[in-house]
Protein backbone atom coordinates (compact mmCIF):
# COMPACT_ATOMS: atom_id res chain seq x y z
CA UNK A 1 24.17 64.89 -62.14
CA UNK A 2 24.21 63.07 -58.87
CA UNK A 3 23.20 59.49 -58.77
CA UNK A 4 19.87 58.86 -57.13
CA UNK A 5 20.17 57.65 -53.58
CA UNK A 6 19.62 54.00 -53.24
CA UNK A 7 16.44 53.25 -51.44
CA UNK A 8 17.00 51.71 -48.07
CA UNK A 9 15.76 48.18 -47.95
CA UNK A 10 12.48 48.03 -46.19
CA UNK A 11 12.58 46.25 -42.88
CA UNK A 12 10.16 43.43 -42.89
CA UNK A 13 8.71 42.14 -39.75
CA UNK A 14 9.87 38.66 -39.17
CA UNK A 15 7.21 36.09 -38.66
CA UNK A 16 6.29 35.85 -35.06
CA UNK A 17 7.93 32.93 -33.34
CA UNK A 18 5.44 30.19 -32.84
CA UNK A 19 3.97 30.25 -29.38
CA UNK A 20 5.75 27.82 -27.12
CA UNK A 21 3.57 24.89 -26.36
CA UNK A 22 2.66 24.75 -22.71
CA UNK A 23 4.71 22.26 -20.80
CA UNK A 24 2.90 19.02 -20.30
CA UNK A 25 2.32 18.67 -16.59
CA UNK A 26 3.15 15.18 -15.49
CA UNK A 27 0.62 13.53 -13.25
CA UNK A 28 1.36 11.06 -10.46
CA UNK A 29 1.44 7.49 -11.70
CA UNK A 30 -0.44 4.98 -9.56
CA UNK A 31 0.25 1.24 -9.31
CA UNK A 32 -2.64 -0.89 -8.01
CA UNK A 33 -1.92 -4.15 -6.18
CA UNK A 34 -4.96 -6.26 -5.28
CA UNK A 35 -5.78 -9.87 -6.07
CA UNK A 36 -9.47 -9.14 -6.73
CA UNK A 37 -10.02 -7.96 -10.35
CA UNK A 38 -13.36 -6.30 -9.58
CA UNK A 39 -11.86 -4.35 -6.71
CA UNK A 40 -8.97 -3.19 -8.90
CA UNK A 41 -11.42 -2.13 -11.59
CA UNK A 42 -13.49 -0.16 -9.11
CA UNK A 43 -10.48 1.64 -7.66
CA UNK A 44 -9.10 2.34 -11.13
CA UNK A 45 -12.41 3.79 -12.30
CA UNK A 46 -12.55 6.03 -9.25
CA UNK A 47 -8.99 7.28 -9.70
CA UNK A 48 -9.25 7.87 -13.44
CA UNK A 49 -12.30 10.11 -12.95
CA UNK A 50 -9.79 12.59 -11.53
CA UNK A 51 -7.49 14.03 -14.21
CA UNK A 52 -4.80 14.64 -11.58
CA UNK A 53 -3.84 10.94 -11.51
CA UNK A 54 -2.94 8.15 -13.91
CA UNK A 55 -3.12 4.43 -13.19
CA UNK A 56 0.00 3.05 -14.87
CA UNK A 57 -0.47 -0.66 -14.07
CA UNK A 58 -2.36 -3.27 -12.05
CA UNK A 59 -0.81 -6.26 -10.29
CA UNK A 60 -2.50 -9.19 -8.58
CA UNK A 61 0.54 -10.60 -6.77
CA UNK A 62 3.76 -9.35 -5.13
CA UNK A 63 6.12 -10.60 -7.86
CA UNK A 64 4.15 -8.77 -10.53
CA UNK A 65 4.00 -5.67 -8.34
CA UNK A 66 7.80 -5.58 -8.09
CA UNK A 67 8.11 -6.12 -11.86
CA UNK A 68 5.75 -3.22 -12.59
CA UNK A 69 7.52 -1.05 -10.02
CA UNK A 70 10.77 -1.40 -11.98
CA UNK A 71 9.01 -0.97 -15.33
CA UNK A 72 6.80 2.06 -14.61
CA UNK A 73 8.41 3.84 -11.61
CA UNK A 74 5.06 4.87 -10.08
CA UNK A 75 4.71 7.76 -7.66
CA UNK A 76 2.28 5.91 -5.43
CA UNK A 77 1.41 2.26 -4.91
CA UNK A 78 -2.00 1.22 -3.55
CA UNK A 79 -1.73 -2.15 -1.79
CA UNK A 80 -4.20 -4.57 -0.21
CA UNK A 81 -3.29 -6.55 2.92
CA UNK A 82 -4.32 -10.01 1.69
CA UNK A 83 -2.36 -11.07 -1.39
CA UNK A 84 -1.16 -14.23 -3.05
CA UNK A 85 2.00 -15.77 -1.52
CA UNK A 86 2.52 -13.02 1.07
CA UNK A 87 0.68 -10.18 2.75
CA UNK A 88 0.66 -6.48 2.03
CA UNK A 89 2.87 -5.64 5.00
CA UNK A 90 5.74 -7.73 3.66
CA UNK A 91 5.15 -6.34 0.17
CA UNK A 92 5.42 -2.77 1.48
CA UNK A 93 8.84 -3.62 2.90
CA UNK A 94 9.93 -5.15 -0.42
CA UNK A 95 8.65 -2.20 -2.46
CA UNK A 96 10.36 0.32 -0.22
CA UNK A 97 13.59 -1.66 -0.24
CA UNK A 98 13.50 -1.54 -4.04
CA UNK A 99 12.52 2.13 -4.24
CA UNK A 100 12.97 3.97 -0.90
CA UNK A 101 11.11 7.10 -2.05
CA UNK A 102 8.02 5.20 -3.15
CA UNK A 103 4.79 6.25 -1.47
CA UNK A 104 2.48 3.40 -0.43
CA UNK A 105 -1.15 3.58 0.59
CA UNK A 106 -2.95 0.55 2.03
CA UNK A 107 -6.58 0.03 1.03
CA UNK A 108 -8.04 -3.04 2.72
CA UNK A 109 -11.09 -4.68 4.27
CA UNK A 110 -9.02 -5.59 7.33
CA UNK A 111 -9.62 -3.60 10.49
CA UNK A 112 -7.28 -0.62 10.72
CA UNK A 113 -6.86 -1.23 14.44
CA UNK A 114 -5.08 -4.49 13.62
CA UNK A 115 -3.05 -3.57 10.57
CA UNK A 116 -2.73 0.20 10.19
CA UNK A 117 0.13 0.67 12.65
CA UNK A 118 1.93 -2.33 11.19
CA UNK A 119 1.56 -0.81 7.73
CA UNK A 120 2.87 2.56 8.89
CA UNK A 121 5.87 0.94 10.57
CA UNK A 122 6.58 -0.93 7.33
CA UNK A 123 6.71 2.39 5.46
CA UNK A 124 3.14 3.08 4.30
CA UNK A 125 1.89 6.66 4.12
CA UNK A 126 -1.67 5.85 5.04
CA UNK A 127 -4.42 3.29 5.57
CA UNK A 128 -7.94 3.39 4.16
CA UNK A 129 -10.59 0.73 4.73
CA UNK A 130 -12.46 -0.42 1.63
CA UNK A 131 -15.88 0.45 3.01
CA UNK A 132 -14.92 4.13 3.14
CA UNK A 133 -16.36 6.51 0.55
CA UNK A 134 -14.38 7.11 -2.62
CA UNK A 135 -13.55 10.68 -1.68
CA UNK A 136 -11.68 9.35 1.36
CA UNK A 137 -9.38 7.39 -0.93
CA UNK A 138 -8.74 10.42 -3.12
CA UNK A 139 -8.09 12.54 -0.03
CA UNK A 140 -5.66 9.92 1.28
CA UNK A 141 -3.83 9.83 -2.07
CA UNK A 142 -3.54 13.61 -2.14
CA UNK A 143 -2.22 13.74 1.40
CA UNK A 144 0.30 10.95 0.79
CA UNK A 145 1.60 12.66 -2.36
CA UNK A 146 2.02 15.85 -0.35
CA UNK A 147 4.27 13.98 2.08
CA UNK A 148 1.74 13.56 4.87
CA UNK A 149 0.26 10.54 6.66
CA UNK A 150 -3.39 9.62 6.26
CA UNK A 151 -5.28 7.67 8.94
CA UNK A 152 -8.84 7.91 10.20
CA UNK A 153 -9.79 10.21 13.05
CA UNK A 154 -10.72 7.14 15.11
CA UNK A 155 -7.29 5.57 14.72
CA UNK A 156 -5.50 8.87 15.31
CA UNK A 157 -7.40 9.24 18.59
CA UNK A 158 -6.54 5.70 19.64
CA UNK A 159 -2.84 6.18 18.89
CA UNK A 160 -2.78 9.53 20.68
CA UNK A 161 -4.51 8.05 23.72
CA UNK A 162 -2.01 5.21 23.89
CA UNK A 163 0.87 7.67 23.58
CA UNK A 164 -0.51 9.80 26.42
CA UNK A 165 -0.97 6.69 28.56
CA UNK A 166 2.59 5.59 27.89
CA UNK A 167 1.66 2.62 25.72
CA UNK A 168 -0.81 1.21 28.25
CA UNK A 169 -3.93 1.61 26.15
CA UNK A 170 -6.14 -1.29 25.18
CA UNK A 171 -4.32 -3.64 22.83
CA UNK A 172 -5.41 -6.73 20.93
CA UNK A 173 -3.62 -9.99 21.83
CA UNK A 174 -2.22 -10.14 18.29
CA UNK A 175 -0.50 -6.76 18.72
CA UNK A 176 2.43 -8.57 20.37
CA UNK A 177 3.13 -10.57 17.20
CA UNK A 178 5.78 -9.58 14.69
CA UNK A 179 4.66 -9.04 11.10
CA UNK A 180 5.93 -12.46 10.03
CA UNK A 181 4.37 -14.16 13.07
CA UNK A 182 1.10 -12.48 12.18
CA UNK A 183 1.37 -13.80 8.65
CA UNK A 184 1.93 -17.37 9.89
CA UNK A 185 -0.93 -16.96 12.38
CA UNK A 186 -3.29 -15.89 9.57
CA UNK A 187 -2.35 -18.86 7.43
CA UNK A 188 -2.94 -21.24 10.36
CA UNK A 189 -6.35 -19.64 10.76
CA UNK A 190 -7.38 -20.34 7.17
CA UNK A 191 -6.40 -24.00 7.52
CA UNK A 192 -2.85 -24.20 6.19
CA UNK A 193 -0.62 -26.89 7.69
CA UNK A 194 3.05 -26.38 8.52
CA UNK A 195 4.37 -27.65 5.20
CA UNK A 196 1.83 -25.62 3.19
CA UNK A 197 2.75 -22.47 5.12
CA UNK A 198 6.44 -23.12 4.47
CA UNK A 199 5.74 -23.44 0.75
CA UNK A 200 3.52 -20.36 0.71
CA UNK A 201 6.12 -18.18 2.44
CA UNK A 202 9.15 -19.81 0.83
CA UNK A 203 10.55 -20.79 4.24
CA UNK A 204 11.68 -24.09 5.72
CA UNK A 205 9.37 -26.35 7.71
CA UNK A 206 11.73 -25.98 10.66
CA UNK A 207 11.35 -22.20 10.53
CA UNK A 208 7.56 -22.46 10.52
CA UNK A 209 7.69 -24.86 13.48
CA UNK A 210 9.74 -22.23 15.29
CA UNK A 211 7.17 -19.54 14.49
CA UNK A 212 4.39 -21.77 15.80
CA UNK A 213 6.22 -22.15 19.11
CA UNK A 214 6.69 -18.38 19.33
CA UNK A 215 2.98 -17.90 18.67
CA UNK A 216 1.99 -20.25 21.49
CA UNK A 217 4.25 -18.42 23.93
CA UNK A 218 3.18 -14.91 22.90
CA UNK A 219 -0.53 -15.76 22.85
CA UNK A 220 -0.31 -17.77 26.08
CA UNK A 221 -1.57 -20.97 24.46
CA UNK A 222 -0.62 -24.40 25.77
CA UNK A 223 -0.82 -26.62 22.71
CA UNK A 224 -0.86 -26.65 18.92
CA UNK A 225 -4.56 -27.52 19.08
CA UNK A 226 -5.19 -24.40 21.16
CA UNK A 227 -3.23 -22.34 18.62
CA UNK A 228 -5.23 -23.77 15.73
CA UNK A 229 -8.54 -23.16 17.50
CA UNK A 230 -7.63 -19.60 18.43
CA UNK A 231 -6.32 -18.80 14.94
CA UNK A 232 -9.51 -20.12 13.30
CA UNK A 233 -11.72 -18.13 15.67
CA UNK A 234 -9.69 -14.98 15.06
CA UNK A 235 -9.77 -15.43 11.29
CA UNK A 236 -13.54 -15.94 11.27
CA UNK A 237 -13.96 -12.71 13.21
CA UNK A 238 -12.19 -10.73 10.48
CA UNK A 239 -14.00 -9.28 7.47
CA UNK A 240 -13.39 -11.00 4.17
CA UNK A 241 -11.00 -9.15 1.92
């Protein structure tokens, strides 16, 4: 009598592998640098309404901005022109020196015709004036993160016209000033004396005296009184930041 054939073990279907969780898509991290808390709050609220971005930190001065840059490694930094202890142009240079691939967007009350080209030369990817609608800021952020430059149509036309004319387009007297000279000029205009400017910019009094002489020559002014008067008039003509 033959032994009964052993029943083949039944193949059981293994439990289906758990579905792989979708990869979490990282969003660009934004660092805000502005010394006005209400302005930072407004910009943050605008940005965080869009799920494509995340505000990682807010700074109200350049030293804090550099600290947060190292701590959070943001994709994009939004910077104002007027800041404590230095201006936004110098901060852009410092930020880019620390992290060369960092994208920087300037958002300021100051006229783009005075500061936008300076900001671009310093390494910014765009310039937006604070009175612009919120969608302009979001558009500028998107363009900067895509590796493009954002400026207004008006400024683009002005720059193109000057290029076509070989640099002979209409220029403001302050266009001849270097970024540091412009910074000293601004501080003179808000009433800072030589020693106070030296302290503010962490430079020597002798260096500030040298800048003042350069300013008089470049602006075709005869005396320190003329420089003070001109700087005050210029500063009063600028919108408050």
